[in-house]
Amino acid sequence: MTTDTAIELCRSAVLLALMLCSPLLLVAVAIGLIMGLLQGLTQIQDASLTFVPRLIALALVVVLLLPWGLSLLTGYAVDLIRGIPGTI
């Protein structure tokens, strides 16, 4: 295995991780911003008010995007396994 191959494998793994995590991070930030605005408007400062809606929204996003994420992961795994003869 050459260094170019190792760098390409690492680059594609990091890119895949970013693609899988970015929807979750965007939803978490959006819910946090919305709940922060609501807490500021109502003057209710309770930690569970931000935690529970964020947890529910993230669980919903995971359930909705699970087929997409699994297809990305299986595609990456298939590409890795198919590339084994070329790297040896």
N, C-alpha and C. Protein backbone atom coordinates (compact mmCIF):
# COMPACT_ATOMS: atom_id res chain seq x y z
N MET A 1 0.85 -1.17 0.00
CA MET A 1 0.00 0.00 0.00
C MET A 1 0.90 1.24 0.00
N THR A 2 0.58 2.12 -0.90
CA THR A 2 1.35 3.35 -0.99
C THR A 2 0.76 4.40 -0.05
N THR A 3 1.51 5.45 0.15
CA THR A 3 1.01 6.52 1.01
C THR A 3 -0.18 7.23 0.36
N ASP A 4 -0.19 7.30 -0.96
CA ASP A 4 -1.33 7.92 -1.64
C ASP A 4 -2.61 7.14 -1.39
N THR A 5 -2.51 5.83 -1.39
CA THR A 5 -3.68 5.00 -1.13
C THR A 5 -4.15 5.18 0.30
N ALA A 6 -3.23 5.21 1.24
CA ALA A 6 -3.59 5.40 2.65
C ALA A 6 -4.24 6.76 2.87
N ILE A 7 -3.70 7.78 2.23
CA ILE A 7 -4.28 9.12 2.36
C ILE A 7 -5.68 9.16 1.77
N GLU A 8 -5.87 8.51 0.63
CA GLU A 8 -7.19 8.48 -0.01
C GLU A 8 -8.20 7.72 0.85
N LEU A 9 -7.78 6.63 1.46
CA LEU A 9 -8.68 5.88 2.35
C LEU A 9 -9.07 6.72 3.57
N CYS A 10 -8.12 7.41 4.15
CA CYS A 10 -8.40 8.27 5.30
C CYS A 10 -9.30 9.44 4.92
N ARG A 11 -9.02 10.02 3.75
CA ARG A 11 -9.83 11.14 3.29
C ARG A 11 -11.28 10.72 3.05
N SER A 12 -11.47 9.57 2.43
CA SER A 12 -12.83 9.12 2.17
C SER A 12 -13.55 8.72 3.46
N ALA A 13 -12.82 8.19 4.44
CA ALA A 13 -13.44 7.85 5.72
C ALA A 13 -13.88 9.09 6.47
N VAL A 14 -13.04 10.12 6.47
CA VAL A 14 -13.39 11.38 7.15
C VAL A 14 -14.56 12.05 6.45
N LEU A 15 -14.56 12.03 5.12
CA LEU A 15 -15.66 12.61 4.36
C LEU A 15 -16.97 11.88 4.65
N LEU A 16 -16.91 10.55 4.74
CA LEU A 16 -18.10 9.77 5.06
C LEU A 16 -18.60 10.11 6.47
N ALA A 17 -17.69 10.24 7.42
CA ALA A 17 -18.09 10.59 8.79
C ALA A 17 -18.74 11.96 8.84
N LEU A 18 -18.20 12.91 8.08
CA LEU A 18 -18.81 14.25 8.04
C LEU A 18 -20.20 14.22 7.40
N MET A 19 -20.34 13.43 6.36
CA MET A 19 -21.64 13.32 5.70
C MET A 19 -22.68 12.69 6.62
N LEU A 20 -22.26 11.73 7.42
CA LEU A 20 -23.19 11.06 8.32
C LEU A 20 -23.55 11.93 9.53
N CYS A 21 -22.61 12.73 10.01
CA CYS A 21 -22.84 13.52 11.22
C CYS A 21 -23.45 14.89 10.96
N SER A 22 -23.29 15.42 9.76
CA SER A 22 -23.74 16.79 9.52
C SER A 22 -25.24 17.00 9.69
N PRO A 23 -26.12 16.09 9.24
CA PRO A 23 -27.55 16.34 9.51
C PRO A 23 -27.87 16.39 11.00
N LEU A 24 -27.24 15.52 11.77
CA LEU A 24 -27.49 15.51 13.21
C LEU A 24 -27.00 16.80 13.86
N LEU A 25 -25.83 17.26 13.46
CA LEU A 25 -25.30 18.49 14.04
C LEU A 25 -26.15 19.70 13.67
N LEU A 26 -26.61 19.75 12.42
CA LEU A 26 -27.45 20.87 11.99
C LEU A 26 -28.77 20.89 12.75
N VAL A 27 -29.38 19.74 12.95
CA VAL A 27 -30.64 19.69 13.69
C VAL A 27 -30.42 20.07 15.16
N ALA A 28 -29.34 19.59 15.75
CA ALA A 28 -29.06 19.91 17.14
C ALA A 28 -28.83 21.41 17.33
N VAL A 29 -28.11 22.03 16.39
CA VAL A 29 -27.87 23.46 16.49
C VAL A 29 -29.17 24.24 16.29
N ALA A 30 -29.98 23.82 15.32
CA ALA A 30 -31.24 24.52 15.06
C ALA A 30 -32.19 24.42 16.24
N ILE A 31 -32.32 23.25 16.82
CA ILE A 31 -33.20 23.08 17.99
C ILE A 31 -32.66 23.86 19.17
N GLY A 32 -31.36 23.86 19.36
CA GLY A 32 -30.76 24.63 20.45
C GLY A 32 -31.01 26.13 20.30
N LEU A 33 -30.90 26.61 19.07
CA LEU A 33 -31.16 28.03 18.81
C LEU A 33 -32.61 28.39 19.05
N ILE A 34 -33.51 27.54 18.56
CA ILE A 34 -34.95 27.80 18.76
C ILE A 34 -35.31 27.76 20.24
N MET A 35 -34.80 26.77 20.95
CA MET A 35 -35.12 26.66 22.37
C MET A 35 -34.47 27.80 23.16
N GLY A 36 -33.29 28.24 22.75
CA GLY A 36 -32.67 29.38 23.41
C GLY A 36 -33.48 30.65 23.23
N LEU A 37 -34.01 30.85 22.03
CA LEU A 37 -34.87 32.00 21.79
C LEU A 37 -36.15 31.93 22.62
N LEU A 38 -36.75 30.74 22.68
CA LEU A 38 -37.96 30.58 23.48
C LEU A 38 -37.69 30.81 24.96
N GLN A 39 -36.55 30.32 25.44
CA GLN A 39 -36.21 30.55 26.85
C GLN A 39 -35.95 32.03 27.11
N GLY A 40 -35.35 32.69 26.16
CA GLY A 40 -35.11 34.13 26.33
C GLY A 40 -36.40 34.93 26.32
N LEU A 41 -37.34 34.53 25.49
CA LEU A 41 -38.61 35.24 25.41
C LEU A 41 -39.49 34.99 26.63
N THR A 42 -39.47 33.77 27.15
CA THR A 42 -40.35 33.44 28.27
C THR A 42 -39.68 33.56 29.63
N GLN A 43 -38.37 33.77 29.66
CA GLN A 43 -37.60 33.88 30.91
C GLN A 43 -37.64 32.59 31.74
N ILE A 44 -37.88 31.47 31.09
CA ILE A 44 -37.84 30.17 31.77
C ILE A 44 -36.46 29.58 31.53
N GLN A 45 -35.69 29.40 32.57
CA GLN A 45 -34.33 28.89 32.46
C GLN A 45 -34.26 27.51 33.10
N ASP A 46 -34.61 26.49 32.32
CA ASP A 46 -34.56 25.12 32.81
C ASP A 46 -33.76 24.29 31.82
N ALA A 47 -32.81 23.51 32.31
CA ALA A 47 -31.93 22.74 31.43
C ALA A 47 -32.69 21.67 30.66
N SER A 48 -33.73 21.10 31.26
CA SER A 48 -34.46 20.03 30.59
C SER A 48 -35.27 20.55 29.40
N LEU A 49 -35.55 21.85 29.37
CA LEU A 49 -36.29 22.40 28.24
C LEU A 49 -35.49 22.37 26.95
N THR A 50 -34.19 22.40 27.03
CA THR A 50 -33.38 22.29 25.82
C THR A 50 -32.99 20.86 25.52
N PHE A 51 -32.87 20.04 26.56
CA PHE A 51 -32.39 18.68 26.37
C PHE A 51 -33.45 17.78 25.74
N VAL A 52 -34.66 17.81 26.25
CA VAL A 52 -35.71 16.89 25.80
C VAL A 52 -36.10 17.12 24.33
N PRO A 53 -36.39 18.35 23.89
CA PRO A 53 -36.71 18.52 22.46
C PRO A 53 -35.54 18.16 21.53
N ARG A 54 -34.33 18.46 21.96
CA ARG A 54 -33.17 18.11 21.14
C ARG A 54 -33.02 16.60 21.03
N LEU A 55 -33.24 15.89 22.13
CA LEU A 55 -33.16 14.44 22.11
C LEU A 55 -34.22 13.83 21.21
N ILE A 56 -35.44 14.35 21.29
CA ILE A 56 -36.53 13.85 20.44
C ILE A 56 -36.25 14.14 18.97
N ALA A 57 -35.80 15.34 18.66
CA ALA A 57 -35.51 15.70 17.27
C ALA A 57 -34.37 14.87 16.70
N LEU A 58 -33.33 14.64 17.49
CA LEU A 58 -32.22 13.84 17.01
C LEU A 58 -32.61 12.39 16.81
N ALA A 59 -33.44 11.86 17.69
CA ALA A 59 -33.92 10.48 17.51
C ALA A 59 -34.75 10.38 16.23
N LEU A 60 -35.57 11.37 15.96
CA LEU A 60 -36.39 11.38 14.75
C LEU A 60 -35.52 11.47 13.50
N VAL A 61 -34.49 12.30 13.53
CA VAL A 61 -33.59 12.43 12.38
C VAL A 61 -32.83 11.13 12.15
N VAL A 62 -32.39 10.48 13.21
CA VAL A 62 -31.68 9.21 13.07
C VAL A 62 -32.59 8.17 12.43
N VAL A 63 -33.82 8.09 12.88
CA VAL A 63 -34.76 7.11 12.32
C VAL A 63 -35.05 7.41 10.86
N LEU A 64 -35.22 8.68 10.52
CA LEU A 64 -35.55 9.04 9.14
C LEU A 64 -34.36 8.86 8.19
N LEU A 65 -33.15 9.13 8.66
CA LEU A 65 -31.98 9.06 7.80
C LEU A 65 -31.21 7.75 7.90
N LEU A 66 -31.74 6.79 8.65
CA LEU A 66 -31.04 5.52 8.82
C LEU A 66 -30.83 4.77 7.50
N PRO A 67 -31.83 4.67 6.61
CA PRO A 67 -31.56 3.98 5.33
C PRO A 67 -30.48 4.66 4.49
N TRP A 68 -30.49 5.97 4.47
CA TRP A 68 -29.48 6.72 3.72
C TRP A 68 -28.09 6.48 4.31
N GLY A 69 -27.97 6.55 5.62
CA GLY A 69 -26.68 6.34 6.28
C GLY A 69 -26.17 4.93 6.08
N LEU A 70 -27.06 3.96 6.18
CA LEU A 70 -26.63 2.58 5.99
C LEU A 70 -26.20 2.32 4.55
N SER A 71 -26.86 2.96 3.59
CA SER A 71 -26.44 2.78 2.20
C SER A 71 -25.06 3.40 1.97
N LEU A 72 -24.79 4.54 2.60
CA LEU A 72 -23.45 5.14 2.49
C LEU A 72 -22.39 4.24 3.11
N LEU A 73 -22.69 3.71 4.29
CA LEU A 73 -21.72 2.84 4.96
C LEU A 73 -21.48 1.54 4.21
N THR A 74 -22.53 0.93 3.69
CA THR A 74 -22.34 -0.31 2.94
C THR A 74 -21.61 -0.05 1.62
N GLY A 75 -21.89 1.07 0.99
CA GLY A 75 -21.15 1.42 -0.22
C GLY A 75 -19.68 1.61 0.05
N TYR A 76 -19.36 2.26 1.16
CA TYR A 76 -17.96 2.47 1.53
C TYR A 76 -17.29 1.13 1.84
N ALA A 77 -17.99 0.26 2.56
CA ALA A 77 -17.43 -1.05 2.90
C ALA A 77 -17.21 -1.89 1.64
N VAL A 78 -18.15 -1.85 0.71
CA VAL A 78 -18.00 -2.61 -0.54
C VAL A 78 -16.80 -2.09 -1.33
N ASP A 79 -16.64 -0.77 -1.38
CA ASP A 79 -15.48 -0.21 -2.09
C ASP A 79 -14.17 -0.62 -1.43
N LEU A 80 -14.14 -0.64 -0.10
CA LEU A 80 -12.93 -1.06 0.60
C LEU A 80 -12.60 -2.51 0.32
N ILE A 81 -13.62 -3.37 0.37
CA ILE A 81 -13.39 -4.80 0.16
C ILE A 81 -12.98 -5.08 -1.28
N ARG A 82 -13.60 -4.38 -2.22
CA ARG A 82 -13.22 -4.56 -3.63
C ARG A 82 -11.81 -4.04 -3.91
N GLY A 83 -11.35 -3.10 -3.14
CA GLY A 83 -10.03 -2.54 -3.36
C GLY A 83 -8.91 -3.33 -2.71
N ILE A 84 -9.23 -4.34 -1.93
CA ILE A 84 -8.19 -5.11 -1.23
C ILE A 84 -7.21 -5.77 -2.21
N PRO A 85 -7.66 -6.42 -3.29
CA PRO A 85 -6.67 -7.04 -4.19
C PRO A 85 -5.71 -6.02 -4.82
N GLY A 86 -6.16 -4.81 -5.05
CA GLY A 86 -5.27 -3.82 -5.65
C GLY A 86 -4.25 -3.24 -4.69
N THR A 87 -4.51 -3.34 -3.39
CA THR A 87 -3.58 -2.76 -2.42
C THR A 87 -2.53 -3.76 -1.93
N ILE A 88 -2.78 -5.02 -2.19
CA ILE A 88 -1.81 -6.05 -1.71
C ILE A 88 -0.71 -6.24 -2.72
